[in-house]
């Protein structure tokens, strides 16, 4: 009984330590795709650069300004590639 319990705890520990972080990374990747406007037009490198830039800003205003510029770039890219994107990203106000 105790041996079975210890084996179960060991398996659980291994799953949490080794499988948990991989799963979290995969979910983060898909989360980024849903949150980054125009993600389907961006390379993985561009998405990484975008995420790093967003994290580097000190204020909400800086992030908002960058987000607005990003939106405009993605709309231009979509038009050039013949892809339709919504006029506004979900839940984000665009500052002109």
PDB file of N, CA and C in Angstrom:
ATOM      1  N   UNK A   1       0.824  -1.194   0.000  1.00  0.00           N
ATOM      2  CA  UNK A   1       0.000   0.000   0.000  1.00  0.00           C
ATOM      3  C   UNK A   1       0.875   1.267   0.000  1.00  0.00           C
ATOM      4  N   UNK A   2       1.868   1.307   0.901  1.00  0.00           N
ATOM      5  CA  UNK A   2       2.746   2.472   0.978  1.00  0.00           C
ATOM      6  C   UNK A   2       3.603   2.559  -0.285  1.00  0.00           C
ATOM      7  N   UNK A   3       4.053   1.411  -0.770  1.00  0.00           N
ATOM      8  CA  UNK A   3       4.862   1.402  -1.977  1.00  0.00           C
ATOM      9  C   UNK A   3       4.060   1.948  -3.163  1.00  0.00           C
ATOM     10  N   UNK A   4       2.794   1.593  -3.244  1.00  0.00           N
ATOM     11  CA  UNK A   4       1.923   2.068  -4.314  1.00  0.00           C
ATOM     12  C   UNK A   4       1.713   3.587  -4.208  1.00  0.00           C
ATOM     13  N   UNK A   5       1.548   4.072  -2.996  1.00  0.00           N
ATOM     14  CA  UNK A   5       1.367   5.501  -2.764  1.00  0.00           C
ATOM     15  C   UNK A   5       2.629   6.273  -3.147  1.00  0.00           C
ATOM     16  N   UNK A   6       3.799   5.765  -2.738  1.00  0.00           N
ATOM     17  CA  UNK A   6       5.061   6.421  -3.080  1.00  0.00           C
ATOM     18  C   UNK A   6       5.293   6.420  -4.588  1.00  0.00           C
ATOM     19  N   UNK A   7       4.959   5.328  -5.241  1.00  0.00           N
ATOM     20  CA  UNK A   7       5.108   5.257  -6.695  1.00  0.00           C
ATOM     21  C   UNK A   7       4.193   6.281  -7.361  1.00  0.00           C
ATOM     22  N   UNK A   8       2.972   6.399  -6.899  1.00  0.00           N
ATOM     23  CA  UNK A   8       2.032   7.377  -7.450  1.00  0.00           C
ATOM     24  C   UNK A   8       2.532   8.799  -7.248  1.00  0.00           C
ATOM     25  N   UNK A   9       3.070   9.094  -6.068  1.00  0.00           N
ATOM     26  CA  UNK A   9       3.616  10.423  -5.800  1.00  0.00           C
ATOM     27  C   UNK A   9       4.821  10.717  -6.690  1.00  0.00           C
ATOM     28  N   UNK A  10       5.659   9.719  -6.912  1.00  0.00           N
ATOM     29  CA  UNK A  10       6.818   9.897  -7.783  1.00  0.00           C
ATOM     30  C   UNK A  10       6.377  10.189  -9.217  1.00  0.00           C
ATOM     31  N   UNK A  11       5.399   9.461  -9.699  1.00  0.00           N
ATOM     32  CA  UNK A  11       4.877   9.694 -11.043  1.00  0.00           C
ATOM     33  C   UNK A  11       4.292  11.096 -11.137  1.00  0.00           C
ATOM     34  N   UNK A  12       3.539  11.497 -10.150  1.00  0.00           N
ATOM     35  CA  UNK A  12       2.959  12.832 -10.125  1.00  0.00           C
ATOM     36  C   UNK A  12       4.054  13.897 -10.131  1.00  0.00           C
ATOM     37  N   UNK A  13       5.084  13.702  -9.335  1.00  0.00           N
ATOM     38  CA  UNK A  13       6.202  14.642  -9.286  1.00  0.00           C
ATOM     39  C   UNK A  13       6.867  14.774 -10.658  1.00  0.00           C
ATOM     40  N   UNK A  14       7.119  13.647 -11.313  1.00  0.00           N
ATOM     41  CA  UNK A  14       7.749  13.667 -12.636  1.00  0.00           C
ATOM     42  C   UNK A  14       6.858  14.397 -13.631  1.00  0.00           C
ATOM     43  N   UNK A  15       5.568  14.142 -13.593  1.00  0.00           N
ATOM     44  CA  UNK A  15       4.646  14.824 -14.502  1.00  0.00           C
ATOM     45  C   UNK A  15       4.641  16.326 -14.280  1.00  0.00           C
ATOM     46  N   UNK A  16       4.613  16.732 -13.041  1.00  0.00           N
ATOM     47  CA  UNK A  16       4.591  18.167 -12.728  1.00  0.00           C
ATOM     48  C   UNK A  16       5.898  18.833 -13.135  1.00  0.00           C
ATOM     49  N   UNK A  17       7.006  18.199 -12.869  1.00  0.00           N
ATOM     50  CA  UNK A  17       8.321  18.801 -13.155  1.00  0.00           C
ATOM     51  C   UNK A  17       8.670  18.823 -14.634  1.00  0.00           C
ATOM     52  N   UNK A  18       8.333  17.775 -15.352  1.00  0.00           N
ATOM     53  CA  UNK A  18       8.812  17.664 -16.725  1.00  0.00           C
ATOM     54  C   UNK A  18       7.729  17.870 -17.775  1.00  0.00           C
ATOM     55  N   UNK A  19       6.556  17.406 -17.544  1.00  0.00           N
ATOM     56  CA  UNK A  19       5.483  17.566 -18.521  1.00  0.00           C
ATOM     57  C   UNK A  19       4.778  18.904 -18.323  1.00  0.00           C
ATOM     58  N   UNK A  20       4.634  19.366 -17.106  1.00  0.00           N
ATOM     59  CA  UNK A  20       3.959  20.630 -16.821  1.00  0.00           C
ATOM     60  C   UNK A  20       4.534  21.815 -17.564  1.00  0.00           C
ATOM     61  N   UNK A  21       5.857  22.057 -17.495  1.00  0.00           N
ATOM     62  CA  UNK A  21       6.412  23.207 -18.205  1.00  0.00           C
ATOM     63  C   UNK A  21       6.235  23.139 -19.716  1.00  0.00           C
ATOM     64  N   UNK A  22       6.312  21.951 -20.311  1.00  0.00           N
ATOM     65  CA  UNK A  22       6.114  21.823 -21.755  1.00  0.00           C
ATOM     66  C   UNK A  22       4.687  22.197 -22.097  1.00  0.00           C
ATOM     67  N   UNK A  23       3.739  21.672 -21.357  1.00  0.00           N
ATOM     68  CA  UNK A  23       2.339  22.002 -21.603  1.00  0.00           C
ATOM     69  C   UNK A  23       2.078  23.485 -21.433  1.00  0.00           C
ATOM     70  N   UNK A  24       2.685  24.101 -20.437  1.00  0.00           N
ATOM     71  CA  UNK A  24       2.494  25.528 -20.211  1.00  0.00           C
ATOM     72  C   UNK A  24       3.046  26.330 -21.371  1.00  0.00           C
ATOM     73  N   UNK A  25       4.182  25.925 -21.909  1.00  0.00           N
ATOM     74  CA  UNK A  25       4.749  26.615 -23.056  1.00  0.00           C
ATOM     75  C   UNK A  25       3.853  26.530 -24.270  1.00  0.00           C
ATOM     76  N   UNK A  26       3.267  25.363 -24.485  1.00  0.00           N
ATOM     77  CA  UNK A  26       2.374  25.199 -25.622  1.00  0.00           C
ATOM     78  C   UNK A  26       1.130  26.061 -25.452  1.00  0.00           C
ATOM     79  N   UNK A  27       0.594  26.126 -24.265  1.00  0.00           N
ATOM     80  CA  UNK A  27      -0.591  26.941 -24.043  1.00  0.00           C
ATOM     81  C   UNK A  27      -0.256  28.414 -24.208  1.00  0.00           C
ATOM     82  N   UNK A  28       0.920  28.816 -23.773  1.00  0.00           N
ATOM     83  CA  UNK A  28       1.335  30.202 -23.928  1.00  0.00           C
ATOM     84  C   UNK A  28       1.427  30.557 -25.399  1.00  0.00           C
ATOM     85  N   UNK A  29       1.969  29.640 -26.187  1.00  0.00           N
ATOM     86  CA  UNK A  29       2.083  29.879 -27.627  1.00  0.00           C
ATOM     87  C   UNK A  29       0.708  30.117 -28.235  1.00  0.00           C
ATOM     88  N   UNK A  30      -0.244  29.245 -27.920  1.00  0.00           N
ATOM     89  CA  UNK A  30      -1.577  29.431 -28.490  1.00  0.00           C
ATOM     90  C   UNK A  30      -2.247  30.660 -27.897  1.00  0.00           C
ATOM     91  N   UNK A  31      -1.939  30.969 -26.632  1.00  0.00           N
ATOM     92  CA  UNK A  31      -2.489  32.185 -26.038  1.00  0.00           C
ATOM     93  C   UNK A  31      -1.984  33.424 -26.752  1.00  0.00           C
ATOM     94  N   UNK A  32      -0.700  33.423 -27.104  1.00  0.00           N
ATOM     95  CA  UNK A  32      -0.144  34.547 -27.850  1.00  0.00           C
ATOM     96  C   UNK A  32      -0.870  34.723 -29.165  1.00  0.00           C
ATOM     97  N   UNK A  33      -1.120  33.638 -29.850  1.00  0.00           N
ATOM     98  CA  UNK A  33      -1.772  33.718 -31.144  1.00  0.00           C
ATOM     99  C   UNK A  33      -3.141  34.366 -31.024  1.00  0.00           C
ATOM    100  N   UNK A  34      -3.844  34.062 -29.973  1.00  0.00           N
ATOM    101  CA  UNK A  34      -5.171  34.632 -29.800  1.00  0.00           C
ATOM    102  C   UNK A  34      -5.109  36.094 -29.377  1.00  0.00           C
ATOM    103  N   UNK A  35      -4.038  36.509 -28.758  1.00  0.00           N
ATOM    104  CA  UNK A  35      -3.957  37.859 -28.219  1.00  0.00           C
ATOM    105  C   UNK A  35      -3.237  38.843 -29.124  1.00  0.00           C
ATOM    106  N   UNK A  36      -2.369  38.377 -30.011  1.00  0.00           N
ATOM    107  CA  UNK A  36      -1.602  39.277 -30.860  1.00  0.00           C
ATOM    108  C   UNK A  36      -2.381  39.523 -32.145  1.00  0.00           C
ATOM    109  N   UNK A  37      -2.735  40.777 -32.379  1.00  0.00           N
ATOM    110  CA  UNK A  37      -3.479  41.121 -33.579  1.00  0.00           C
ATOM    111  C   UNK A  37      -2.626  40.837 -34.806  1.00  0.00           C
ATOM    112  N   UNK A  38      -3.186  40.083 -35.750  1.00  0.00           N
ATOM    113  CA  UNK A  38      -2.472  39.765 -36.978  1.00  0.00           C
ATOM    114  C   UNK A  38      -1.457  38.650 -36.832  1.00  0.00           C
ATOM    115  N   UNK A  39      -1.559  37.842 -35.772  1.00  0.00           N
ATOM    116  CA  UNK A  39      -0.575  36.790 -35.524  1.00  0.00           C
ATOM    117  C   UNK A  39      -0.406  35.879 -36.724  1.00  0.00           C
ATOM    118  N   UNK A  40      -1.480  35.640 -37.477  1.00  0.00           N
ATOM    119  CA  UNK A  40      -1.412  34.715 -38.600  1.00  0.00           C
ATOM    120  C   UNK A  40      -0.563  35.264 -39.750  1.00  0.00           C
ATOM    121  N   UNK A  41      -0.274  36.551 -39.718  1.00  0.00           N
ATOM    122  CA  UNK A  41       0.562  37.171 -40.748  1.00  0.00           C
ATOM    123  C   UNK A  41       2.010  37.321 -40.297  1.00  0.00           C
ATOM    124  N   UNK A  42       2.293  36.946 -39.057  1.00  0.00           N
ATOM    125  CA  UNK A  42       3.617  37.145 -38.477  1.00  0.00           C
ATOM    126  C   UNK A  42       4.393  35.834 -38.434  1.00  0.00           C
ATOM    127  N   UNK A  43       5.715  35.954 -38.573  1.00  0.00           N
ATOM    128  CA  UNK A  43       6.574  34.784 -38.400  1.00  0.00           C
ATOM    129  C   UNK A  43       6.728  34.526 -36.901  1.00  0.00           C
ATOM    130  N   UNK A  44       7.165  33.337 -36.517  1.00  0.00           N
ATOM    131  CA  UNK A  44       7.422  33.089 -35.093  1.00  0.00           C
ATOM    132  C   UNK A  44       8.415  34.094 -34.503  1.00  0.00           C
ATOM    133  N   UNK A  45       9.400  34.480 -35.294  1.00  0.00           N
ATOM    134  CA  UNK A  45      10.387  35.452 -34.814  1.00  0.00           C
ATOM    135  C   UNK A  45       9.725  36.809 -34.562  1.00  0.00           C
ATOM    136  N   UNK A  46       8.825  37.208 -35.458  1.00  0.00           N
ATOM    137  CA  UNK A  46       8.130  38.480 -35.275  1.00  0.00           C
ATOM    138  C   UNK A  46       7.241  38.447 -34.042  1.00  0.00           C
ATOM    139  N   UNK A  47       6.587  37.310 -33.794  1.00  0.00           N
ATOM    140  CA  UNK A  47       5.746  37.200 -32.595  1.00  0.00           C
ATOM    141  C   UNK A  47       6.597  37.294 -31.337  1.00  0.00           C
ATOM    142  N   UNK A  48       7.771  36.658 -31.356  1.00  0.00           N
ATOM    143  CA  UNK A  48       8.671  36.734 -30.204  1.00  0.00           C
ATOM    144  C   UNK A  48       9.142  38.162 -29.990  1.00  0.00           C
ATOM    145  N   UNK A  49       9.544  38.826 -31.073  1.00  0.00           N
ATOM    146  CA  UNK A  49       9.990  40.217 -30.970  1.00  0.00           C
ATOM    147  C   UNK A  49       8.866  41.115 -30.453  1.00  0.00           C
ATOM    148  N   UNK A  50       7.660  40.891 -30.952  1.00  0.00           N
ATOM    149  CA  UNK A  50       6.508  41.682 -30.509  1.00  0.00           C
ATOM    150  C   UNK A  50       6.280  41.504 -29.005  1.00  0.00           C
ATOM    151  N   UNK A  51       6.303  40.254 -28.552  1.00  0.00           N
ATOM    152  CA  UNK A  51       6.091  39.964 -27.127  1.00  0.00           C
ATOM    153  C   UNK A  51       7.170  40.630 -26.277  1.00  0.00           C
ATOM    154  N   UNK A  52       8.425  40.554 -26.720  1.00  0.00           N
ATOM    155  CA  UNK A  52       9.517  41.161 -25.952  1.00  0.00           C
ATOM    156  C   UNK A  52       9.389  42.679 -25.906  1.00  0.00           C
ATOM    157  N   UNK A  53       9.006  43.280 -27.023  1.00  0.00           N
ATOM    158  CA  UNK A  53       8.823  44.737 -27.032  1.00  0.00           C
ATOM    159  C   UNK A  53       7.693  45.139 -26.098  1.00  0.00           C
ATOM    160  N   UNK A  54       6.579  44.394 -26.130  1.00  0.00           N
ATOM    161  CA  UNK A  54       5.443  44.720 -25.267  1.00  0.00           C
ATOM    162  C   UNK A  54       5.849  44.640 -23.795  1.00  0.00           C
ATOM    163  N   UNK A  55       6.668  43.674 -23.449  1.00  0.00           N
ATOM    164  CA  UNK A  55       7.093  43.527 -22.056  1.00  0.00           C
ATOM    165  C   UNK A  55       8.117  44.582 -21.654  1.00  0.00           C
ATOM    166  N   UNK A  56       8.785  45.195 -22.634  1.00  0.00           N
ATOM    167  CA  UNK A  56       9.829  46.164 -22.307  1.00  0.00           C
ATOM    168  C   UNK A  56       9.287  47.551 -21.960  1.00  0.00           C
ATOM    169  N   UNK A  57       8.052  47.842 -22.357  1.00  0.00           N
ATOM    170  CA  UNK A  57       7.503  49.172 -22.101  1.00  0.00           C
ATOM    171  C   UNK A  57       7.212  49.367 -20.627  1.00  0.00           C
ATOM    172  N   UNK A  58       7.458  50.588 -20.170  1.00  0.00           N
ATOM    173  CA  UNK A  58       7.275  50.907 -18.749  1.00  0.00           C
ATOM    174  C   UNK A  58       5.852  51.354 -18.420  1.00  0.00           C
ATOM    175  N   UNK A  59       5.142  51.928 -19.400  1.00  0.00           N
ATOM    176  CA  UNK A  59       3.817  52.471 -19.113  1.00  0.00           C
ATOM    177  C   UNK A  59       2.767  51.892 -20.058  1.00  0.00           C
ATOM    178  N   UNK A  60       1.540  51.972 -19.634  1.00  0.00           N
ATOM    179  CA  UNK A  60       0.420  51.529 -20.470  1.00  0.00           C
ATOM    180  C   UNK A  60       0.317  52.378 -21.726  1.00  0.00           C
ATOM    181  N   UNK A  61       0.667  53.648 -21.621  1.00  0.00           N
ATOM    182  CA  UNK A  61       0.607  54.541 -22.779  1.00  0.00           C
ATOM    183  C   UNK A  61       1.600  54.103 -23.855  1.00  0.00           C
ATOM    184  N   UNK A  62       2.813  53.723 -23.444  1.00  0.00           N
ATOM    185  CA  UNK A  62       3.818  53.244 -24.405  1.00  0.00           C
ATOM    186  C   UNK A  62       3.323  51.976 -25.104  1.00  0.00           C
ATOM    187  N   UNK A  63       2.760  51.058 -24.320  1.00  0.00           N
ATOM    188  CA  UNK A  63       2.232  49.825 -24.903  1.00  0.00           C
ATOM    189  C   UNK A  63       1.090  50.122 -25.864  1.00  0.00           C
ATOM    190  N   UNK A  64       0.221  51.017 -25.480  1.00  0.00           N
ATOM    191  CA  UNK A  64      -0.918  51.366 -26.317  1.00  0.00           C
ATOM    192  C   UNK A  64      -0.476  51.985 -27.639  1.00  0.00           C
ATOM    193  N   UNK A  65       0.506  52.880 -27.583  1.00  0.00           N
ATOM    194  CA  UNK A  65       1.024  53.510 -28.799  1.00  0.00           C
ATOM    195  C   UNK A  65       1.660  52.466 -29.717  1.00  0.00           C
ATOM    196  N   UNK A  66       2.471  51.587 -29.157  1.00  0.00           N
ATOM    197  CA  UNK A  66       3.099  50.529 -29.955  1.00  0.00           C
ATOM    198  C   UNK A  66       2.031  49.606 -30.541  1.00  0.00           C
ATOM    199  N   UNK A  67       1.040  49.252 -29.733  1.00  0.00           N
ATOM    200  CA  UNK A  67      -0.039  48.377 -30.184  1.00  0.00           C
ATOM    201  C   UNK A  67      -0.775  49.008 -31.366  1.00  0.00           C
ATOM    202  N   UNK A  68      -0.999  50.307 -31.304  1.00  0.00           N
ATOM    203  CA  UNK A  68      -1.667  51.020 -32.387  1.00  0.00           C
ATOM    204  C   UNK A  68      -0.829  50.967 -33.667  1.00  0.00           C
ATOM    205  N   UNK A  69       0.478  51.189 -33.534  1.00  0.00           N
ATOM    206  CA  UNK A  69       1.375  51.114 -34.696  1.00  0.00           C
ATOM    207  C   UNK A  69       1.399  49.692 -35.269  1.00  0.00           C
ATOM    208  N   UNK A  70       1.423  48.704 -34.387  1.00  0.00           N
ATOM    209  CA  UNK A  70       1.422  47.306 -34.810  1.00  0.00           C
ATOM    210  C   UNK A  70       0.143  46.997 -35.587  1.00  0.00           C
ATOM    211  N   UNK A  71      -0.974  47.487 -35.083  1.00  0.00           N
ATOM    212  CA  UNK A  71      -2.269  47.270 -35.747  1.00  0.00           C
ATOM    213  C   UNK A  71      -2.223  47.826 -37.175  1.00  0.00           C
ATOM    214  N   UNK A  72      -1.724  49.032 -37.323  1.00  0.00           N
ATOM    215  CA  UNK A  72      -1.641  49.648 -38.654  1.00  0.00           C
ATOM    216  C   UNK A  72      -0.745  48.834 -39.582  1.00  0.00           C
ATOM    217  N   UNK A  73       0.403  48.369 -39.068  1.00  0.00           N
ATOM    218  CA  UNK A  73       1.309  47.549 -39.896  1.00  0.00           C
ATOM    219  C   UNK A  73       0.642  46.252 -40.331  1.00  0.00           C
ATOM    220  N   UNK A  74      -0.082  45.620 -39.403  1.00  0.00           N
ATOM    221  CA  UNK A  74      -0.736  44.355 -39.733  1.00  0.00           C
ATOM    222  C   UNK A  74      -1.874  44.570 -40.737  1.00  0.00           C
ATOM    223  N   UNK A  75      -2.581  45.692 -40.633  1.00  0.00           N
ATOM    224  CA  UNK A  75      -3.650  45.984 -41.597  1.00  0.00           C
ATOM    225  C   UNK A  75      -3.054  46.198 -42.990  1.00  0.00           C
ATOM    226  N   UNK A  76      -1.921  46.891 -43.074  1.00  0.00           N
ATOM    227  CA  UNK A  76      -1.250  47.104 -44.360  1.00  0.00           C
ATOM    228  C   UNK A  76      -0.761  45.772 -44.937  1.00  0.00           C
ATOM    229  N   UNK A  77      -0.186  44.939 -44.087  1.00  0.00           N
ATOM    230  CA  UNK A  77       0.304  43.629 -44.540  1.00  0.00           C
ATOM    231  C   UNK A  77      -0.861  42.767 -45.012  1.00  0.00           C
ATOM    232  N   UNK A  78      -1.958  42.786 -44.275  1.00  0.00           N
ATOM    233  CA  UNK A  78      -3.127  41.993 -44.655  1.00  0.00           C
ATOM    234  C   UNK A  78      -3.655  42.433 -46.021  1.00  0.00           C
ATOM    235  N   UNK A  79      -3.725  43.728 -46.227  1.00  0.00           N
ATOM    236  CA  UNK A  79      -4.200  44.250 -47.508  1.00  0.00           C
ATOM    237  C   UNK A  79      -3.277  43.804 -48.639  1.00  0.00           C
ATOM    238  N   UNK A  80      -1.976  43.894 -48.427  1.00  0.00           N
ATOM    239  CA  UNK A  80      -1.003  43.500 -49.442  1.00  0.00           C
ATOM    240  C   UNK A  80      -1.084  42.006 -49.761  1.00  0.00           C
ATOM    241  N   UNK A  81      -1.423  41.203 -48.754  1.00  0.00           N
ATOM    242  CA  UNK A  81      -1.486  39.752 -48.938  1.00  0.00           C
ATOM    243  C   UNK A  81      -2.896  39.263 -49.260  1.00  0.00           C
ATOM    244  N   UNK A  82      -3.860  40.195 -49.314  1.00  0.00           N
ATOM    245  CA  UNK A  82      -5.234  39.812 -49.625  1.00  0.00           C
ATOM    246  C   UNK A  82      -5.931  39.049 -48.510  1.00  0.00           C
ATOM    247  N   UNK A  83      -5.566  39.361 -47.277  1.00  0.00           N
ATOM    248  CA  UNK A  83      -6.146  38.699 -46.103  1.00  0.00           C
ATOM    249  C   UNK A  83      -7.051  39.691 -45.397  1.00  0.00           C
ATOM    250  N   UNK A  84      -8.198  39.221 -44.923  1.00  0.00           N
ATOM    251  CA  UNK A  84      -9.108  40.098 -44.181  1.00  0.00           C
ATOM    252  C   UNK A  84      -8.860  39.980 -42.685  1.00  0.00           C
ATOM    253  N   UNK A  85      -8.700  41.124 -42.047  1.00  0.00           N
ATOM    254  CA  UNK A  85      -8.597  41.195 -40.590  1.00  0.00           C
ATOM    255  C   UNK A  85      -9.702  42.121 -40.103  1.00  0.00           C
ATOM    256  N   UNK A  86     -10.149  41.953 -38.860  1.00  0.00           N
ATOM    257  CA  UNK A  86     -11.145  42.888 -38.332  1.00  0.00           C
ATOM    258  C   UNK A  86     -10.563  44.298 -38.272  1.00  0.00           C
ATOM    259  N   UNK A  87     -11.436  45.303 -38.341  1.00  0.00           N
ATOM    260  CA  UNK A  87     -10.964  46.689 -38.287  1.00  0.00           C
ATOM    261  C   UNK A  87     -10.250  47.004 -36.983  1.00  0.00           C
ATOM    262  N   UNK A  88     -10.737  46.415 -35.895  1.00  0.00           N
ATOM    263  CA  UNK A  88     -10.152  46.674 -34.589  1.00  0.00           C
ATOM    264  C   UNK A  88      -9.834  45.360 -33.906  1.00  0.00           C
ATOM    265  N   UNK A  89      -8.722  45.293 -33.193  1.00  0.00           N
ATOM    266  CA  UNK A  89      -8.434  44.096 -32.399  1.00  0.00           C
ATOM    267  C   UNK A  89      -9.493  43.953 -31.313  1.00  0.00           C
ATOM    268  N   UNK A  90      -9.763  42.708 -30.938  1.00  0.00           N
ATOM    269  CA  UNK A  90     -10.749  42.468 -29.878  1.00  0.00           C
ATOM    270  C   UNK A  90     -10.304  43.086 -28.557  1.00  0.00           C
ATOM    271  N   UNK A  91     -11.154  43.912 -27.962  1.00  0.00           N
ATOM    272  CA  UNK A  91     -10.921  44.432 -26.627  1.00  0.00           C
ATOM    273  C   UNK A  91      -9.827  45.469 -26.497  1.00  0.00           C
ATOM    274  N   UNK A  92      -9.362  46.040 -27.599  1.00  0.00           N
ATOM    275  CA  UNK A  92      -8.283  47.023 -27.540  1.00  0.00           C
ATOM    276  C   UNK A  92      -8.723  48.277 -28.267  1.00  0.00           C
ATOM    277  N   UNK A  93      -8.568  49.409 -27.613  1.00  0.00           N
ATOM    278  CA  UNK A  93      -8.897  50.681 -28.235  1.00  0.00           C
ATOM    279  C   UNK A  93      -7.713  51.123 -29.093  1.00  0.00           C
ATOM    280  N   UNK A  94      -8.008  51.601 -30.286  1.00  0.00           N
ATOM    281  CA  UNK A  94      -6.961  52.082 -31.180  1.00  0.00           C
ATOM    282  C   UNK A  94      -6.871  53.590 -31.029  1.00  0.00           C
ATOM    283  N   UNK A  95      -5.655  54.083 -30.788  1.00  0.00           N
ATOM    284  CA  UNK A  95      -5.420  55.514 -30.641  1.00  0.00           C
ATOM    285  C   UNK A  95      -4.882  56.048 -31.957  1.00  0.00           C
ATOM    286  N   UNK A  96      -5.540  57.025 -32.520  1.00  0.00           N
ATOM    287  CA  UNK A  96      -5.080  57.592 -33.801  1.00  0.00           C
ATOM    288  C   UNK A  96      -4.032  58.648 -33.585  1.00  0.00           C
TER     289      UNK A  96
END
